[in-house]
Amino acid sequence: MQGIHDAAHRIKRNIIEFAPSPDSSFFRVNARQNDRLFALIPCAGVGARAGANMPKQYRAIGDRALLHYTLAAFDACDELAQTLVVLSPDDALFDAAQFSGLRFTSRRCGGATRHESVLNGLGALAELGAADHDWVLVHDAARPGVTPALIRQLVEAVRDDEVGGIIAMPLADTLKRAAHDLESARIGRTEPRDGLWLAQTPQMFRIGLLRHALVEAQQAGFAVTDEASALERLGHRPRLVTGTMRNFKVTYPEDFAMAEAILLGRAI
């Protein structure tokens, strides 16, 4: 009996010692299955360049606020675990009833800059259960032309990427740099446009990596105009995913007519 027991022990030991270890692809596959997707929409800006007497995200396009169209696109993506809207603590215009039926949550943790609002929003996502290895898609509230298809296009292109990526458009127009030594606007020179892209959103990164990059930039006094620039500063190269002009950012008063034409099918 003892001999049989010893033989069984040796067989078990050999199975343990010589069983192949899972390679890195095993961990990548399992990570993809477990990593969740979150959306973060900074909505604490005042939109001064858009004119009017209210932040542009609350301006009406048809019978709905501009923000409604943005939220509706993310609501249509069931892949997202949660969409977080970051509001200013002093926002007196946000009315959740305007967005009833849409799946999202909001926190009044916006800062003085987009940089601060996104960083605070990442902290709020952590409180909601998001982990550092989860993905976050940061999107401008004032890009109501975003579509579920565009969101999914970014996710599919980036989810296996080591860094992350952004929606962007290759620059099509000739780029002119103004002369700084003249009183009136005059052309200083023409810049080569080869390799130049116009950054859009969503921009998709791991929550932990993005938070680290934003904190590092904040401590260094580096001006962050989008999330990708914070990653670039640390030597990362986010992926560029071709977007569409429909996804433009409403910035100036005349942009609302363009947004209405796109979203409501109206002629300009």
C-alpha atoms as a PDB file:
ATOM      1  CA  MET A   1       0.000   0.000   0.000  1.00  0.00           C
ATOM      2  CA  GLN A   2       2.812   2.356   0.905  1.00  0.00           C
ATOM      3  CA  GLY A   3       4.390   1.748  -2.504  1.00  0.00           C
ATOM      4  CA  ILE A   4       1.170   2.666  -4.292  1.00  0.00           C
ATOM      5  CA  HIS A   5       0.851   5.830  -2.172  1.00  0.00           C
ATOM      6  CA  ASP A   6       4.459   6.843  -2.937  1.00  0.00           C
ATOM      7  CA  ALA A   7       3.946   6.279  -6.661  1.00  0.00           C
ATOM      8  CA  ALA A   8       0.796   8.394  -6.680  1.00  0.00           C
ATOM      9  CA  HIS A   9       2.628  11.171  -4.828  1.00  0.00           C
ATOM     10  CA  ARG A  10       5.449  11.126  -7.400  1.00  0.00           C
ATOM     11  CA  ILE A  11       2.967  11.327 -10.300  1.00  0.00           C
ATOM     12  CA  LYS A  12       1.150  14.268  -8.675  1.00  0.00           C
ATOM     13  CA  ARG A  13       4.448  16.053  -8.011  1.00  0.00           C
ATOM     14  CA  ASN A  14       5.573  15.581 -11.622  1.00  0.00           C
ATOM     15  CA  ILE A  15       2.281  16.958 -12.956  1.00  0.00           C
ATOM     16  CA  ILE A  16       2.704  20.080 -10.807  1.00  0.00           C
ATOM     17  CA  GLU A  17       6.383  20.545 -11.679  1.00  0.00           C
ATOM     18  CA  PHE A  18       6.056  20.060 -15.431  1.00  0.00           C
ATOM     19  CA  ALA A  19       2.640  21.599 -16.151  1.00  0.00           C
ATOM     20  CA  PRO A  20       3.168  24.470 -18.605  1.00  0.00           C
ATOM     21  CA  SER A  21       2.817  27.993 -17.182  1.00  0.00           C
ATOM     22  CA  PRO A  22       0.303  30.314 -18.849  1.00  0.00           C
ATOM     23  CA  ASP A  23       2.010  32.785 -21.183  1.00  0.00           C
ATOM     24  CA  SER A  24       1.409  36.538 -21.377  1.00  0.00           C
ATOM     25  CA  SER A  25      -1.426  36.078 -23.866  1.00  0.00           C
ATOM     26  CA  PHE A  26      -3.337  34.173 -21.186  1.00  0.00           C
ATOM     27  CA  PHE A  27      -3.184  37.179 -18.878  1.00  0.00           C
ATOM     28  CA  ARG A  28      -4.108  39.583 -21.687  1.00  0.00           C
ATOM     29  CA  VAL A  29      -7.175  37.551 -22.611  1.00  0.00           C
ATOM     30  CA  ASN A  30      -8.318  37.301 -19.022  1.00  0.00           C
ATOM     31  CA  ALA A  31      -7.585  40.974 -18.400  1.00  0.00           C
ATOM     32  CA  ARG A  32      -9.748  41.937 -21.361  1.00  0.00           C
ATOM     33  CA  GLN A  33     -12.607  39.855 -20.059  1.00  0.00           C
ATOM     34  CA  ASN A  34     -12.405  41.455 -16.615  1.00  0.00           C
ATOM     35  CA  ASP A  35     -11.534  45.059 -17.449  1.00  0.00           C
ATOM     36  CA  ARG A  36     -14.582  47.293 -17.492  1.00  0.00           C
ATOM     37  CA  LEU A  37     -15.315  50.386 -19.536  1.00  0.00           C
ATOM     38  CA  PHE A  38     -16.333  53.693 -17.971  1.00  0.00           C
ATOM     39  CA  ALA A  39     -17.135  57.040 -19.574  1.00  0.00           C
ATOM     40  CA  LEU A  40     -16.284  60.397 -18.011  1.00  0.00           C
ATOM     41  CA  ILE A  41     -17.806  63.600 -19.343  1.00  0.00           C
ATOM     42  CA  PRO A  42     -16.340  66.807 -17.869  1.00  0.00           C
ATOM     43  CA  CYS A  43     -19.206  69.279 -17.787  1.00  0.00           C
ATOM     44  CA  ALA A  44     -17.984  72.017 -15.464  1.00  0.00           C
ATOM     45  CA  GLY A  45     -16.985  74.624 -18.057  1.00  0.00           C
ATOM     46  CA  VAL A  46     -18.833  77.868 -18.691  1.00  0.00           C
ATOM     47  CA  GLY A  47     -18.375  77.885 -22.483  1.00  0.00           C
ATOM     48  CA  ALA A  48     -17.550  81.603 -22.670  1.00  0.00           C
ATOM     49  CA  ARG A  49     -16.589  81.513 -26.374  1.00  0.00           C
ATOM     50  CA  ALA A  50     -20.014  80.128 -27.317  1.00  0.00           C
ATOM     51  CA  GLY A  51     -21.753  83.300 -26.138  1.00  0.00           C
ATOM     52  CA  ALA A  52     -25.307  83.252 -24.722  1.00  0.00           C
ATOM     53  CA  ASN A  53     -26.182  83.498 -21.047  1.00  0.00           C
ATOM     54  CA  MET A  54     -25.648  79.865 -20.094  1.00  0.00           C
ATOM     55  CA  PRO A  55     -23.014  77.144 -20.522  1.00  0.00           C
ATOM     56  CA  LYS A  56     -23.197  75.672 -24.025  1.00  0.00           C
ATOM     57  CA  GLN A  57     -23.921  72.149 -22.765  1.00  0.00           C
ATOM     58  CA  TYR A  58     -27.360  73.379 -21.651  1.00  0.00           C
ATOM     59  CA  ARG A  59     -28.208  75.321 -24.817  1.00  0.00           C
ATOM     60  CA  ALA A  60     -31.160  73.824 -26.667  1.00  0.00           C
ATOM     61  CA  ILE A  61     -30.767  71.999 -29.960  1.00  0.00           C
ATOM     62  CA  GLY A  62     -34.306  71.313 -31.054  1.00  0.00           C
ATOM     63  CA  ASP A  63     -36.234  70.490 -27.903  1.00  0.00           C
ATOM     64  CA  ARG A  64     -33.294  68.987 -26.019  1.00  0.00           C
ATOM     65  CA  ALA A  65     -30.178  70.289 -24.312  1.00  0.00           C
ATOM     66  CA  LEU A  66     -26.915  69.796 -26.203  1.00  0.00           C
ATOM     67  CA  LEU A  67     -25.721  67.522 -23.386  1.00  0.00           C
ATOM     68  CA  HIS A  68     -28.675  65.184 -23.974  1.00  0.00           C
ATOM     69  CA  TYR A  69     -27.341  64.141 -27.395  1.00  0.00           C
ATOM     70  CA  THR A  70     -23.919  63.421 -25.942  1.00  0.00           C
ATOM     71  CA  LEU A  71     -25.310  61.328 -23.098  1.00  0.00           C
ATOM     72  CA  ALA A  72     -27.672  59.458 -25.423  1.00  0.00           C
ATOM     73  CA  ALA A  73     -24.755  58.171 -27.509  1.00  0.00           C
ATOM     74  CA  PHE A  74     -23.029  56.710 -24.453  1.00  0.00           C
ATOM     75  CA  ASP A  75     -26.309  55.404 -23.052  1.00  0.00           C
ATOM     76  CA  ALA A  76     -26.719  53.344 -26.238  1.00  0.00           C
ATOM     77  CA  CYS A  77     -23.445  51.515 -25.525  1.00  0.00           C
ATOM     78  CA  ASP A  78     -24.350  48.689 -23.163  1.00  0.00           C
ATOM     79  CA  GLU A  79     -20.657  47.796 -22.936  1.00  0.00           C
ATOM     80  CA  LEU A  80     -20.113  50.736 -20.590  1.00  0.00           C
ATOM     81  CA  ALA A  81     -20.351  49.959 -16.886  1.00  0.00           C
ATOM     82  CA  GLN A  82     -21.182  53.579 -16.044  1.00  0.00           C
ATOM     83  CA  THR A  83     -21.100  57.099 -17.465  1.00  0.00           C
ATOM     84  CA  LEU A  84     -20.071  59.852 -15.053  1.00  0.00           C
ATOM     85  CA  VAL A  85     -20.902  63.517 -15.657  1.00  0.00           C
ATOM     86  CA  VAL A  86     -18.597  65.872 -13.740  1.00  0.00           C
ATOM     87  CA  LEU A  87     -20.434  69.060 -12.777  1.00  0.00           C
ATOM     88  CA  SER A  88     -19.286  72.288 -11.204  1.00  0.00           C
ATOM     89  CA  PRO A  89     -20.140  72.488  -7.481  1.00  0.00           C
ATOM     90  CA  ASP A  90     -21.875  75.796  -8.284  1.00  0.00           C
ATOM     91  CA  ASP A  91     -23.900  74.511 -11.248  1.00  0.00           C
ATOM     92  CA  ALA A  92     -27.483  75.734 -10.763  1.00  0.00           C
ATOM     93  CA  LEU A  93     -28.694  74.828 -14.266  1.00  0.00           C
ATOM     94  CA  PHE A  94     -28.251  71.061 -14.323  1.00  0.00           C
ATOM     95  CA  ASP A  95     -31.645  69.385 -14.117  1.00  0.00           C
ATOM     96  CA  ALA A  96     -31.565  65.588 -14.029  1.00  0.00           C
ATOM     97  CA  ALA A  97     -35.188  65.506 -15.195  1.00  0.00           C
ATOM     98  CA  GLN A  98     -34.062  66.792 -18.613  1.00  0.00           C
ATOM     99  CA  PHE A  99     -32.106  63.579 -19.083  1.00  0.00           C
ATOM    100  CA  SER A 100     -34.567  61.064 -17.664  1.00  0.00           C
ATOM    101  CA  GLY A 101     -34.304  57.621 -19.205  1.00  0.00           C
ATOM    102  CA  LEU A 102     -30.577  57.951 -19.860  1.00  0.00           C
ATOM    103  CA  ARG A 103     -28.149  55.813 -17.896  1.00  0.00           C
ATOM    104  CA  PHE A 104     -25.566  57.986 -16.123  1.00  0.00           C
ATOM    105  CA  THR A 105     -24.605  59.389 -12.753  1.00  0.00           C
ATOM    106  CA  SER A 106     -23.274  62.824 -11.823  1.00  0.00           C
ATOM    107  CA  ARG A 107     -20.912  64.253  -9.242  1.00  0.00           C
ATOM    108  CA  ARG A 108     -20.351  67.906  -8.349  1.00  0.00           C
ATOM    109  CA  CYS A 109     -16.582  67.616  -8.244  1.00  0.00           C
ATOM    110  CA  GLY A 110     -15.566  69.805 -11.185  1.00  0.00           C
ATOM    111  CA  GLY A 111     -12.488  71.987 -10.875  1.00  0.00           C
ATOM    112  CA  ALA A 112     -11.341  75.319 -12.264  1.00  0.00           C
ATOM    113  CA  THR A 113      -9.854  73.614 -15.342  1.00  0.00           C
ATOM    114  CA  ARG A 114     -10.652  70.586 -17.461  1.00  0.00           C
ATOM    115  CA  HIS A 115      -7.477  69.011 -16.072  1.00  0.00           C
ATOM    116  CA  GLU A 116      -8.801  69.295 -12.515  1.00  0.00           C
ATOM    117  CA  SER A 117     -12.293  68.154 -13.481  1.00  0.00           C
ATOM    118  CA  VAL A 118     -11.032  64.986 -15.160  1.00  0.00           C
ATOM    119  CA  LEU A 119      -8.664  64.216 -12.293  1.00  0.00           C
ATOM    120  CA  ASN A 120     -11.453  64.691  -9.747  1.00  0.00           C
ATOM    121  CA  GLY A 121     -13.749  62.621 -11.935  1.00  0.00           C
ATOM    122  CA  LEU A 122     -11.292  59.728 -11.921  1.00  0.00           C
ATOM    123  CA  GLY A 123     -11.394  59.842  -8.129  1.00  0.00           C
ATOM    124  CA  ALA A 124     -15.192  59.733  -8.249  1.00  0.00           C
ATOM    125  CA  LEU A 125     -15.064  56.703 -10.557  1.00  0.00           C
ATOM    126  CA  ALA A 126     -12.839  54.943  -8.023  1.00  0.00           C
ATOM    127  CA  GLU A 127     -15.489  55.625  -5.373  1.00  0.00           C
ATOM    128  CA  LEU A 128     -18.011  54.006  -7.724  1.00  0.00           C
ATOM    129  CA  GLY A 129     -15.878  50.867  -7.850  1.00  0.00           C
ATOM    130  CA  ALA A 130     -13.695  51.458 -10.907  1.00  0.00           C
ATOM    131  CA  ALA A 131     -10.218  49.900 -10.679  1.00  0.00           C
ATOM    132  CA  ASP A 132      -6.896  51.199 -11.985  1.00  0.00           C
ATOM    133  CA  HIS A 133      -6.822  48.554 -14.719  1.00  0.00           C
ATOM    134  CA  ASP A 134     -10.287  49.524 -15.998  1.00  0.00           C
ATOM    135  CA  TRP A 135     -10.645  51.773 -19.036  1.00  0.00           C
ATOM    136  CA  VAL A 136     -12.092  55.280 -19.086  1.00  0.00           C
ATOM    137  CA  LEU A 137     -13.339  57.128 -22.164  1.00  0.00           C
ATOM    138  CA  VAL A 138     -13.127  60.884 -21.561  1.00  0.00           C
ATOM    139  CA  HIS A 139     -15.419  62.871 -23.846  1.00  0.00           C
ATOM    140  CA  ASP A 140     -16.195  66.563 -24.294  1.00  0.00           C
ATOM    141  CA  ALA A 141     -19.767  67.411 -23.335  1.00  0.00           C
ATOM    142  CA  ALA A 142     -19.825  69.853 -26.270  1.00  0.00           C
ATOM    143  CA  ARG A 143     -19.325  67.147 -28.915  1.00  0.00           C
ATOM    144  CA  PRO A 144     -22.971  66.092 -29.374  1.00  0.00           C
ATOM    145  CA  GLY A 145     -22.270  64.544 -32.778  1.00  0.00           C
ATOM    146  CA  VAL A 146     -20.572  61.515 -31.242  1.00  0.00           C
ATOM    147  CA  THR A 147     -22.290  58.239 -32.139  1.00  0.00           C
ATOM    148  CA  PRO A 148     -22.420  54.781 -30.547  1.00  0.00           C
ATOM    149  CA  ALA A 149     -20.632  53.455 -33.643  1.00  0.00           C
ATOM    150  CA  LEU A 150     -17.741  55.886 -33.146  1.00  0.00           C
ATOM    151  CA  ILE A 151     -17.466  54.986 -29.464  1.00  0.00           C
ATOM    152  CA  ARG A 152     -17.348  51.284 -30.320  1.00  0.00           C
ATOM    153  CA  GLN A 153     -14.813  51.932 -33.076  1.00  0.00           C
ATOM    154  CA  LEU A 154     -12.446  53.456 -30.524  1.00  0.00           C
ATOM    155  CA  VAL A 155     -12.992  50.655 -28.019  1.00  0.00           C
ATOM    156  CA  GLU A 156     -12.283  47.939 -30.590  1.00  0.00           C
ATOM    157  CA  ALA A 157      -9.161  49.706 -31.856  1.00  0.00           C
ATOM    158  CA  VAL A 158      -7.689  50.468 -28.443  1.00  0.00           C
ATOM    159  CA  ARG A 159      -8.771  47.810 -25.974  1.00  0.00           C
ATOM    160  CA  ASP A 160      -5.739  45.604 -26.646  1.00  0.00           C
ATOM    161  CA  ASP A 161      -3.335  48.553 -26.875  1.00  0.00           C
ATOM    162  CA  GLU A 162      -0.668  48.982 -24.198  1.00  0.00           C
ATOM    163  CA  VAL A 163      -1.257  52.734 -23.890  1.00  0.00           C
ATOM    164  CA  GLY A 164      -4.687  53.689 -25.205  1.00  0.00           C
ATOM    165  CA  GLY A 165      -5.784  56.044 -27.933  1.00  0.00           C
ATOM    166  CA  ILE A 166      -7.959  58.867 -29.151  1.00  0.00           C
ATOM    167  CA  ILE A 167     -10.423  59.729 -31.879  1.00  0.00           C
ATOM    168  CA  ALA A 168      -8.782  62.221 -34.244  1.00  0.00           C
ATOM    169  CA  MET A 169      -8.947  63.549 -37.797  1.00  0.00           C
ATOM    170  CA  PRO A 170      -6.026  63.902 -40.236  1.00  0.00           C
ATOM    171  CA  LEU A 171      -5.527  67.594 -41.006  1.00  0.00           C
ATOM    172  CA  ALA A 172      -6.960  68.333 -44.460  1.00  0.00           C
ATOM    173  CA  ASP A 173      -6.647  72.126 -44.699  1.00  0.00           C
ATOM    174  CA  THR A 174      -3.467  74.095 -45.318  1.00  0.00           C
ATOM    175  CA  LEU A 175      -2.088  75.300 -41.988  1.00  0.00           C
ATOM    176  CA  LYS A 176      -0.921  78.904 -41.603  1.00  0.00           C
ATOM    177  CA  ARG A 177       1.043  80.316 -38.667  1.00  0.00           C
ATOM    178  CA  ALA A 178       0.374  83.997 -37.938  1.00  0.00           C
ATOM    179  CA  ALA A 179       3.227  86.465 -37.717  1.00  0.00           C
ATOM    180  CA  HIS A 180       3.678  87.648 -34.142  1.00  0.00           C
ATOM    181  CA  ASP A 181       5.439  90.936 -34.925  1.00  0.00           C
ATOM    182  CA  LEU A 182       2.543  92.600 -36.765  1.00  0.00           C
ATOM    183  CA  GLU A 183      -0.450  94.473 -35.346  1.00  0.00           C
ATOM    184  CA  SER A 184      -2.967  92.959 -37.776  1.00  0.00           C
ATOM    185  CA  ALA A 185      -3.322  89.251 -38.501  1.00  0.00           C
ATOM    186  CA  ARG A 186      -0.837  88.360 -41.228  1.00  0.00           C
ATOM    187  CA  ILE A 187       0.597  85.064 -42.365  1.00  0.00           C
ATOM    188  CA  GLY A 188       3.999  84.347 -40.916  1.00  0.00           C
ATOM    189  CA  ARG A 189       4.539  81.057 -42.709  1.00  0.00           C
ATOM    190  CA  THR A 190       2.838  77.916 -43.942  1.00  0.00           C
ATOM    191  CA  GLU A 191       3.314  74.843 -41.782  1.00  0.00           C
ATOM    192  CA  PRO A 192       3.646  71.409 -43.387  1.00  0.00           C
ATOM    193  CA  ARG A 193       0.551  69.385 -42.560  1.00  0.00           C
ATOM    194  CA  ASP A 194       2.050  65.947 -43.148  1.00  0.00           C
ATOM    195  CA  GLY A 195       1.429  63.802 -40.088  1.00  0.00           C
ATOM    196  CA  LEU A 196      -0.758  66.413 -38.361  1.00  0.00           C
ATOM    197  CA  TRP A 197      -4.068  65.357 -36.818  1.00  0.00           C
ATOM    198  CA  LEU A 198      -6.890  67.250 -35.094  1.00  0.00           C
ATOM    199  CA  ALA A 199      -7.518  65.678 -31.697  1.00  0.00           C
ATOM    200  CA  GLN A 200     -11.119  64.871 -30.828  1.00  0.00           C
ATOM    201  CA  THR A 201     -12.743  62.802 -28.108  1.00  0.00           C
ATOM    202  CA  PRO A 202     -13.450  60.242 -26.723  1.00  0.00           C
ATOM    203  CA  GLN A 203      -9.925  59.579 -25.485  1.00  0.00           C
ATOM    204  CA  MET A 204      -9.500  56.144 -23.923  1.00  0.00           C
ATOM    205  CA  PHE A 205      -6.887  55.129 -21.356  1.00  0.00           C
ATOM    206  CA  ARG A 206      -6.450  52.915 -18.315  1.00  0.00           C
ATOM    207  CA  ILE A 207      -7.741  54.773 -15.282  1.00  0.00           C
ATOM    208  CA  GLY A 208      -4.586  54.283 -13.218  1.00  0.00           C
ATOM    209  CA  LEU A 209      -2.240  55.320 -16.028  1.00  0.00           C
ATOM    210  CA  LEU A 210      -4.262  58.421 -16.868  1.00  0.00           C
ATOM    211  CA  ARG A 211      -4.520  59.491 -13.233  1.00  0.00           C
ATOM    212  CA  HIS A 212      -0.747  59.096 -12.816  1.00  0.00           C
ATOM    213  CA  ALA A 213      -0.087  61.156 -15.952  1.00  0.00           C
ATOM    214  CA  LEU A 214      -2.459  63.932 -14.883  1.00  0.00           C
ATOM    215  CA  VAL A 215      -0.995  64.121 -11.379  1.00  0.00           C
ATOM    216  CA  GLU A 216       2.550  64.270 -12.793  1.00  0.00           C
ATOM    217  CA  ALA A 217       1.535  67.057 -15.178  1.00  0.00           C
ATOM    218  CA  GLN A 218      -0.192  68.968 -12.386  1.00  0.00           C
ATOM    219  CA  GLN A 219       2.856  68.788 -10.140  1.00  0.00           C
ATOM    220  CA  ALA A 220       5.095  69.970 -12.987  1.00  0.00           C
ATOM    221  CA  GLY A 221       2.809  72.869 -13.882  1.00  0.00           C
ATOM    222  CA  PHE A 222       2.311  71.414 -17.367  1.00  0.00           C
ATOM    223  CA  ALA A 223      -0.744  72.763 -19.213  1.00  0.00           C
ATOM    224  CA  VAL A 224      -2.920  69.826 -20.261  1.00  0.00           C
ATOM    225  CA  THR A 225      -5.359  70.591 -23.083  1.00  0.00           C
ATOM    226  CA  ASP A 226      -6.401  66.982 -23.568  1.00  0.00           C
ATOM    227  CA  GLU A 227      -5.747  63.679 -21.816  1.00  0.00           C
ATOM    228  CA  ALA A 228      -3.397  62.388 -24.501  1.00  0.00           C
ATOM    229  CA  SER A 229      -0.972  65.273 -23.957  1.00  0.00           C
ATOM    230  CA  ALA A 230      -0.476  64.178 -20.348  1.00  0.00           C
ATOM    231  CA  LEU A 231       0.421  60.667 -21.549  1.00  0.00           C
ATOM    232  CA  GLU A 232       2.706  62.049 -24.271  1.00  0.00           C
ATOM    233  CA  ARG A 233       4.627  64.010 -21.661  1.00  0.00           C
ATOM    234  CA  LEU A 234       5.592  60.724 -19.994  1.00  0.00           C
ATOM    235  CA  GLY A 235       6.847  59.269 -23.265  1.00  0.00           C
ATOM    236  CA  HIS A 236       3.752  57.293 -24.259  1.00  0.00           C
ATOM    237  CA  ARG A 237       2.390  57.271 -27.799  1.00  0.00           C
ATOM    238  CA  PRO A 238      -1.398  56.915 -27.820  1.00  0.00           C
ATOM    239  CA  ARG A 239      -3.005  55.359 -30.869  1.00  0.00           C
ATOM    240  CA  LEU A 240      -4.768  57.599 -33.411  1.00  0.00           C
ATOM    241  CA  VAL A 241      -8.184  56.322 -34.497  1.00  0.00           C
ATOM    242  CA  THR A 242      -9.775  58.135 -37.438  1.00  0.00           C
ATOM    243  CA  GLY A 243     -12.999  59.881 -36.515  1.00  0.00           C
ATOM    244  CA  THR A 244     -15.470  62.042 -38.404  1.00  0.00           C
ATOM    245  CA  MET A 245     -16.178  65.747 -38.821  1.00  0.00           C
ATOM    246  CA  ARG A 246     -19.654  65.097 -37.412  1.00  0.00           C
ATOM    247  CA  ASN A 247     -17.923  64.810 -34.044  1.00  0.00           C
ATOM    248  CA  PHE A 248     -16.805  68.457 -33.999  1.00  0.00           C
ATOM    249  CA  LYS A 249     -16.719  70.523 -30.822  1.00  0.00           C
ATOM    250  CA  VAL A 250     -19.363  73.230 -30.449  1.00  0.00           C
ATOM    251  CA  THR A 251     -17.267  76.268 -29.527  1.00  0.00           C
ATOM    252  CA  TYR A 252     -18.551  79.452 -31.181  1.00  0.00           C
ATOM    253  CA  PRO A 253     -22.108  80.846 -31.571  1.00  0.00           C
ATOM    254  CA  GLU A 254     -22.277  79.882 -35.253  1.00  0.00           C
ATOM    255  CA  ASP A 255     -21.452  76.268 -34.382  1.00  0.00           C
ATOM    256  CA  PHE A 256     -24.967  75.711 -33.036  1.00  0.00           C
ATOM    257  CA  ALA A 257     -26.423  76.012 -36.539  1.00  0.00           C
ATOM    258  CA  MET A 258     -24.021  73.318 -37.719  1.00  0.00           C
ATOM    259  CA  ALA A 259     -24.930  71.106 -34.763  1.00  0.00           C
ATOM    260  CA  GLU A 260     -28.633  71.520 -35.557  1.00  0.00           C
ATOM    261  CA  ALA A 261     -28.003  70.600 -39.189  1.00  0.00           C
ATOM    262  CA  ILE A 262     -26.205  67.416 -38.148  1.00  0.00           C
ATOM    263  CA  LEU A 263     -28.442  66.326 -35.285  1.00  0.00           C
ATOM    264  CA  LEU A 264     -31.812  67.454 -36.630  1.00  0.00           C
ATOM    265  CA  GLY A 265     -31.199  67.275 -40.365  1.00  0.00           C
ATOM    266  CA  ARG A 266     -31.868  70.969 -40.846  1.00  0.00           C
ATOM    267  CA  ALA A 267     -30.379  73.063 -43.633  1.00  0.00           C
ATOM    268  CA  ILE A 268     -27.982  75.803 -42.579  1.00  0.00           C
END
